[in-house]
């Protein structure tokens, strides 16, 4: 099992940037695929960005490609750098982990953080 804690959310104006951080309770590279999901009010939770369990490939939803970057260090931390933010990026953002040898671009993640709010004003 792994526990996840997110930080870095907040409020920003459109066009601004935020960096989210996710700290795991154990080493994740070589063990877990890591991802960021988001859920806006009244909507389902969607995959935003993901990193392969070996850390060699990444995936982005079309709505954030070119603006968001997922990265991870060699220990326990996963990041989501969000640039050129838009009001439609407003949501609760969740960090998630998935065991190895699975489809890291799917929604089938096993472990979740508590979420952090991101609010983008126009």
N, C-alpha and C. Protein backbone atom coordinates (compact mmCIF):
# COMPACT_ATOMS: atom_id res chain seq x y z
N UNK A 1 0.83 -1.20 0.00
CA UNK A 1 0.00 0.00 0.00
C UNK A 1 0.86 1.25 0.00
N UNK A 2 0.26 2.34 -0.45
CA UNK A 2 0.97 3.61 -0.45
C UNK A 2 -0.01 4.72 -0.08
N UNK A 3 0.44 5.64 0.75
CA UNK A 3 -0.38 6.81 1.10
C UNK A 3 0.15 8.01 0.32
N UNK A 4 -0.79 8.86 -0.10
CA UNK A 4 -0.45 10.01 -0.95
C UNK A 4 -0.96 11.30 -0.31
N UNK A 5 -0.14 12.33 -0.34
CA UNK A 5 -0.53 13.63 0.19
C UNK A 5 -0.22 14.71 -0.84
N UNK A 6 -1.26 15.44 -1.24
CA UNK A 6 -1.08 16.52 -2.22
C UNK A 6 -0.89 17.86 -1.52
N UNK A 7 -0.25 18.78 -2.21
CA UNK A 7 -0.13 20.16 -1.76
C UNK A 7 0.07 21.05 -2.97
N UNK A 8 -0.10 22.37 -2.75
CA UNK A 8 0.20 23.32 -3.81
C UNK A 8 -0.99 23.93 -4.50
N UNK A 9 -2.19 23.52 -4.14
CA UNK A 9 -3.36 24.13 -4.76
C UNK A 9 -3.55 25.56 -4.30
N UNK A 10 -4.51 26.23 -4.90
CA UNK A 10 -4.78 27.61 -4.51
C UNK A 10 -5.58 28.33 -5.57
N UNK A 11 -5.61 29.65 -5.47
CA UNK A 11 -6.35 30.48 -6.41
C UNK A 11 -5.38 31.29 -7.25
N UNK A 12 -5.69 31.41 -8.53
CA UNK A 12 -4.83 32.14 -9.45
C UNK A 12 -5.69 32.74 -10.55
N UNK A 13 -5.21 33.79 -11.16
CA UNK A 13 -5.92 34.39 -12.28
C UNK A 13 -5.61 33.63 -13.56
N UNK A 14 -6.51 33.73 -14.51
CA UNK A 14 -6.31 33.10 -15.80
C UNK A 14 -4.98 33.55 -16.41
N UNK A 15 -4.26 32.58 -16.97
CA UNK A 15 -2.95 32.85 -17.53
C UNK A 15 -1.81 32.58 -16.56
N UNK A 16 -2.14 32.40 -15.30
CA UNK A 16 -1.13 32.15 -14.28
C UNK A 16 -0.70 30.70 -14.22
N UNK A 17 0.14 30.42 -13.22
CA UNK A 17 0.71 29.08 -13.07
C UNK A 17 0.59 28.61 -11.63
N UNK A 18 0.52 27.30 -11.48
CA UNK A 18 0.58 26.65 -10.17
C UNK A 18 1.35 25.36 -10.31
N UNK A 19 1.97 24.93 -9.23
CA UNK A 19 2.66 23.65 -9.20
C UNK A 19 2.10 22.82 -8.06
N UNK A 20 1.55 21.66 -8.41
CA UNK A 20 1.04 20.73 -7.41
C UNK A 20 2.12 19.70 -7.09
N UNK A 21 2.14 19.28 -5.84
CA UNK A 21 3.09 18.26 -5.40
C UNK A 21 2.33 17.12 -4.75
N UNK A 22 2.85 15.93 -4.92
CA UNK A 22 2.28 14.73 -4.31
C UNK A 22 3.43 13.95 -3.68
N UNK A 23 3.35 13.73 -2.40
CA UNK A 23 4.37 12.97 -1.69
C UNK A 23 3.80 11.62 -1.27
N UNK A 24 4.49 10.57 -1.66
CA UNK A 24 4.07 9.21 -1.33
C UNK A 24 4.76 8.72 -0.06
N UNK A 25 4.19 7.70 0.53
CA UNK A 25 4.77 7.14 1.76
C UNK A 25 5.90 6.17 1.48
N UNK A 26 6.11 5.85 0.18
CA UNK A 26 7.20 4.96 -0.18
C UNK A 26 7.68 5.32 -1.58
N UNK A 27 8.80 4.76 -1.97
CA UNK A 27 9.36 5.01 -3.30
C UNK A 27 8.36 4.60 -4.38
N UNK A 28 8.21 5.45 -5.40
CA UNK A 28 7.23 5.17 -6.44
C UNK A 28 7.84 4.79 -7.79
N UNK A 29 8.99 5.36 -8.13
CA UNK A 29 9.59 5.01 -9.42
C UNK A 29 10.00 3.54 -9.40
N UNK A 30 9.57 2.82 -10.45
CA UNK A 30 9.84 1.40 -10.51
C UNK A 30 8.82 0.55 -9.78
N UNK A 31 7.82 1.22 -9.18
CA UNK A 31 6.82 0.49 -8.41
C UNK A 31 5.39 0.89 -8.77
N UNK A 32 5.18 2.16 -9.04
CA UNK A 32 3.82 2.65 -9.29
C UNK A 32 3.80 3.61 -10.47
N UNK A 33 2.75 3.50 -11.29
CA UNK A 33 2.42 4.60 -12.19
C UNK A 33 1.79 5.69 -11.33
N UNK A 34 2.06 6.94 -11.68
CA UNK A 34 1.51 8.07 -10.92
C UNK A 34 0.70 8.96 -11.87
N UNK A 35 -0.36 9.52 -11.33
CA UNK A 35 -1.23 10.32 -12.18
C UNK A 35 -1.88 11.45 -11.39
N UNK A 36 -2.36 12.40 -12.15
CA UNK A 36 -3.19 13.48 -11.61
C UNK A 36 -4.55 13.40 -12.28
N UNK A 37 -5.58 13.40 -11.47
CA UNK A 37 -6.97 13.49 -11.93
C UNK A 37 -7.55 14.81 -11.44
N UNK A 38 -8.66 15.20 -12.03
CA UNK A 38 -9.38 16.36 -11.50
C UNK A 38 -10.87 16.13 -11.60
N UNK A 39 -11.57 16.80 -10.68
CA UNK A 39 -13.03 16.70 -10.65
C UNK A 39 -13.61 18.08 -10.39
N UNK A 40 -14.35 18.58 -11.38
CA UNK A 40 -15.04 19.85 -11.24
C UNK A 40 -16.42 19.60 -10.63
N UNK A 41 -17.04 20.61 -10.03
CA UNK A 41 -18.36 20.44 -9.43
C UNK A 41 -19.38 19.90 -10.43
N UNK A 42 -20.08 18.87 -10.03
CA UNK A 42 -21.11 18.30 -10.88
C UNK A 42 -20.60 17.42 -12.00
N UNK A 43 -19.30 17.18 -12.04
CA UNK A 43 -18.73 16.37 -13.12
C UNK A 43 -18.02 15.14 -12.54
N UNK A 44 -17.74 14.20 -13.44
CA UNK A 44 -16.98 13.03 -13.04
C UNK A 44 -15.49 13.37 -12.95
N UNK A 45 -14.77 12.51 -12.26
CA UNK A 45 -13.33 12.69 -12.16
C UNK A 45 -12.66 12.22 -13.46
N UNK A 46 -11.71 13.02 -13.96
CA UNK A 46 -11.06 12.72 -15.24
C UNK A 46 -9.55 12.68 -15.07
N UNK A 47 -8.93 11.82 -15.86
CA UNK A 47 -7.47 11.75 -15.88
C UNK A 47 -6.91 12.96 -16.61
N UNK A 48 -5.96 13.62 -16.00
CA UNK A 48 -5.34 14.83 -16.56
C UNK A 48 -3.95 14.51 -17.12
N UNK A 49 -3.14 13.83 -16.32
CA UNK A 49 -1.78 13.52 -16.73
C UNK A 49 -1.31 12.29 -15.98
N UNK A 50 -0.45 11.50 -16.62
CA UNK A 50 0.02 10.27 -15.99
C UNK A 50 1.45 9.97 -16.39
N UNK A 51 2.14 9.27 -15.49
CA UNK A 51 3.53 8.88 -15.72
C UNK A 51 3.65 7.37 -15.55
N UNK A 52 4.23 6.72 -16.54
CA UNK A 52 4.43 5.27 -16.53
C UNK A 52 5.15 4.82 -15.26
N UNK A 53 4.92 3.57 -14.83
CA UNK A 53 5.49 3.11 -13.56
C UNK A 53 7.01 3.09 -13.58
N UNK A 54 7.61 3.00 -14.78
CA UNK A 54 9.06 3.09 -14.87
C UNK A 54 9.52 4.53 -15.04
N UNK A 55 8.54 5.44 -15.19
CA UNK A 55 8.89 6.85 -15.31
C UNK A 55 9.40 7.24 -16.68
N UNK A 56 9.19 6.37 -17.70
CA UNK A 56 9.79 6.63 -19.01
C UNK A 56 8.84 7.29 -19.99
N UNK A 57 7.55 7.18 -19.76
CA UNK A 57 6.55 7.76 -20.66
C UNK A 57 5.54 8.56 -19.87
N UNK A 58 4.92 9.51 -20.57
CA UNK A 58 3.87 10.30 -19.96
C UNK A 58 2.66 10.37 -20.88
N UNK A 59 1.53 10.70 -20.27
CA UNK A 59 0.27 10.84 -21.01
C UNK A 59 -0.41 12.12 -20.54
N UNK A 60 -1.06 12.82 -21.48
CA UNK A 60 -1.80 14.03 -21.14
C UNK A 60 -3.17 14.01 -21.80
N UNK A 61 -4.16 14.48 -21.08
CA UNK A 61 -5.46 14.71 -21.71
C UNK A 61 -5.32 15.84 -22.72
N UNK A 62 -6.12 15.78 -23.75
CA UNK A 62 -6.04 16.78 -24.82
C UNK A 62 -6.25 18.19 -24.29
N UNK A 63 -7.08 18.32 -23.28
CA UNK A 63 -7.42 19.66 -22.78
C UNK A 63 -6.25 20.35 -22.07
N UNK A 64 -5.22 19.59 -21.68
CA UNK A 64 -4.11 20.20 -20.94
C UNK A 64 -2.78 20.04 -21.66
N UNK A 65 -2.75 19.31 -22.75
CA UNK A 65 -1.50 19.05 -23.46
C UNK A 65 -0.87 20.36 -23.91
N UNK A 66 0.41 20.51 -23.62
CA UNK A 66 1.13 21.73 -23.97
C UNK A 66 1.10 22.78 -22.87
N UNK A 67 0.24 22.58 -21.87
CA UNK A 67 0.15 23.54 -20.77
C UNK A 67 0.57 22.93 -19.43
N UNK A 68 0.30 21.64 -19.25
CA UNK A 68 0.62 20.94 -18.00
C UNK A 68 1.78 19.99 -18.23
N UNK A 69 2.58 19.80 -17.18
CA UNK A 69 3.70 18.85 -17.24
C UNK A 69 3.73 18.03 -15.96
N UNK A 70 3.71 16.71 -16.11
CA UNK A 70 3.87 15.82 -14.97
C UNK A 70 5.33 15.41 -14.88
N UNK A 71 5.84 15.38 -13.68
CA UNK A 71 7.21 14.93 -13.47
C UNK A 71 7.30 14.23 -12.12
N UNK A 72 8.38 13.50 -11.94
CA UNK A 72 8.58 12.80 -10.67
C UNK A 72 10.06 12.70 -10.37
N UNK A 73 10.41 12.72 -9.12
CA UNK A 73 11.81 12.54 -8.78
C UNK A 73 12.07 11.04 -8.59
N UNK A 74 13.25 10.71 -8.18
CA UNK A 74 13.61 9.30 -8.08
C UNK A 74 13.28 8.70 -6.72
N UNK A 75 12.48 9.41 -5.97
CA UNK A 75 12.16 8.90 -4.63
C UNK A 75 10.64 8.80 -4.48
N UNK A 76 10.01 9.84 -3.96
CA UNK A 76 8.62 9.70 -3.56
C UNK A 76 7.71 10.80 -4.11
N UNK A 77 8.24 11.75 -4.84
CA UNK A 77 7.46 12.93 -5.19
C UNK A 77 7.05 12.97 -6.66
N UNK A 78 5.83 13.38 -6.88
CA UNK A 78 5.29 13.59 -8.22
C UNK A 78 4.74 15.01 -8.28
N UNK A 79 4.96 15.67 -9.41
CA UNK A 79 4.57 17.06 -9.55
C UNK A 79 3.66 17.25 -10.76
N UNK A 80 2.87 18.31 -10.71
CA UNK A 80 2.10 18.74 -11.87
C UNK A 80 2.31 20.25 -12.01
N UNK A 81 3.08 20.63 -13.01
CA UNK A 81 3.28 22.04 -13.32
C UNK A 81 2.18 22.47 -14.27
N UNK A 82 1.42 23.47 -13.85
CA UNK A 82 0.27 23.92 -14.63
C UNK A 82 0.51 25.37 -15.06
N UNK A 83 0.63 25.58 -16.37
CA UNK A 83 0.86 26.91 -16.93
C UNK A 83 -0.33 27.33 -17.77
N UNK A 84 -0.41 28.60 -18.05
CA UNK A 84 -1.49 29.15 -18.90
C UNK A 84 -2.85 28.66 -18.42
N UNK A 85 -3.08 28.77 -17.14
CA UNK A 85 -4.31 28.24 -16.56
C UNK A 85 -5.54 28.98 -17.07
N UNK A 86 -6.62 28.23 -17.18
CA UNK A 86 -7.90 28.75 -17.67
C UNK A 86 -8.97 28.53 -16.60
N UNK A 87 -10.03 29.31 -16.64
CA UNK A 87 -11.11 29.08 -15.66
C UNK A 87 -11.64 27.65 -15.69
N UNK A 88 -11.64 27.03 -16.84
CA UNK A 88 -12.15 25.66 -16.94
C UNK A 88 -11.21 24.64 -16.31
N UNK A 89 -10.04 25.05 -15.86
CA UNK A 89 -9.15 24.17 -15.12
C UNK A 89 -9.53 24.10 -13.64
N UNK A 90 -10.49 24.92 -13.23
CA UNK A 90 -10.93 24.91 -11.85
C UNK A 90 -11.51 23.56 -11.47
N UNK A 91 -10.98 22.96 -10.40
CA UNK A 91 -11.39 21.62 -9.98
C UNK A 91 -10.62 21.24 -8.72
N UNK A 92 -11.04 20.12 -8.13
CA UNK A 92 -10.22 19.47 -7.12
C UNK A 92 -9.29 18.51 -7.84
N UNK A 93 -8.02 18.62 -7.56
CA UNK A 93 -7.01 17.78 -8.21
C UNK A 93 -6.56 16.68 -7.25
N UNK A 94 -6.53 15.46 -7.78
CA UNK A 94 -6.16 14.29 -6.98
C UNK A 94 -4.91 13.63 -7.54
N UNK A 95 -4.02 13.27 -6.66
CA UNK A 95 -2.88 12.44 -7.00
C UNK A 95 -3.30 10.97 -6.84
N UNK A 96 -2.81 10.11 -7.73
CA UNK A 96 -3.20 8.70 -7.67
C UNK A 96 -2.02 7.80 -8.04
N UNK A 97 -2.03 6.58 -7.53
CA UNK A 97 -0.98 5.60 -7.82
C UNK A 97 -1.61 4.29 -8.27
N UNK A 98 -0.89 3.63 -9.19
CA UNK A 98 -1.35 2.37 -9.78
C UNK A 98 -0.19 1.38 -9.80
N UNK A 99 -0.48 0.13 -9.50
CA UNK A 99 0.56 -0.88 -9.53
C UNK A 99 1.15 -1.06 -10.91
N UNK A 100 2.28 -1.77 -11.04
CA UNK A 100 3.00 -1.91 -12.31
C UNK A 100 2.29 -2.80 -13.31
N UNK A 101 2.77 -2.75 -14.56
CA UNK A 101 2.34 -3.63 -15.64
C UNK A 101 0.86 -3.48 -15.98
N UNK A 102 0.33 -2.29 -15.80
CA UNK A 102 -1.07 -2.02 -16.16
C UNK A 102 -1.15 -0.80 -17.06
N UNK A 103 -2.34 -0.52 -17.56
CA UNK A 103 -2.52 0.61 -18.46
C UNK A 103 -2.56 1.90 -17.67
N UNK A 104 -1.44 2.63 -17.66
CA UNK A 104 -1.36 3.83 -16.84
C UNK A 104 -2.18 4.98 -17.42
N UNK A 105 -2.70 4.82 -18.65
CA UNK A 105 -3.55 5.87 -19.23
C UNK A 105 -5.03 5.64 -18.95
N UNK A 106 -5.33 4.60 -18.22
CA UNK A 106 -6.73 4.32 -17.87
C UNK A 106 -7.09 5.01 -16.56
N UNK A 107 -8.34 4.84 -16.16
CA UNK A 107 -8.80 5.42 -14.90
C UNK A 107 -8.64 4.45 -13.73
N UNK A 108 -8.06 3.29 -13.99
CA UNK A 108 -7.98 2.25 -12.96
C UNK A 108 -6.83 2.40 -12.00
N UNK A 109 -6.90 3.39 -11.13
CA UNK A 109 -5.87 3.63 -10.13
C UNK A 109 -6.32 3.11 -8.77
N UNK A 110 -5.34 2.72 -7.96
CA UNK A 110 -5.65 2.00 -6.73
C UNK A 110 -5.61 2.87 -5.48
N UNK A 111 -4.76 3.86 -5.47
CA UNK A 111 -4.53 4.66 -4.28
C UNK A 111 -4.71 6.13 -4.62
N UNK A 112 -5.32 6.86 -3.67
CA UNK A 112 -5.70 8.24 -3.93
C UNK A 112 -5.30 9.15 -2.77
N UNK A 113 -4.93 10.39 -3.12
CA UNK A 113 -4.75 11.40 -2.11
C UNK A 113 -6.08 12.04 -1.76
N UNK A 114 -6.02 13.02 -0.87
CA UNK A 114 -7.25 13.65 -0.38
C UNK A 114 -7.75 14.76 -1.30
N UNK A 115 -6.92 15.20 -2.23
CA UNK A 115 -7.32 16.23 -3.17
C UNK A 115 -6.90 17.62 -2.72
N UNK A 116 -6.66 18.48 -3.71
CA UNK A 116 -6.32 19.87 -3.44
C UNK A 116 -7.07 20.75 -4.43
N UNK A 117 -7.64 21.84 -3.92
CA UNK A 117 -8.49 22.70 -4.76
C UNK A 117 -7.64 23.66 -5.59
N UNK A 118 -7.97 23.75 -6.86
CA UNK A 118 -7.39 24.74 -7.76
C UNK A 118 -8.53 25.59 -8.31
N UNK A 119 -8.42 26.90 -8.14
CA UNK A 119 -9.45 27.82 -8.62
C UNK A 119 -8.79 28.85 -9.52
N UNK A 120 -9.30 28.96 -10.74
CA UNK A 120 -8.76 29.91 -11.72
C UNK A 120 -9.85 30.92 -12.04
N UNK A 121 -9.57 32.17 -11.79
CA UNK A 121 -10.55 33.22 -12.04
C UNK A 121 -10.24 33.95 -13.34
N UNK A 122 -11.30 34.43 -13.97
CA UNK A 122 -11.12 35.13 -15.25
C UNK A 122 -10.86 36.61 -15.06
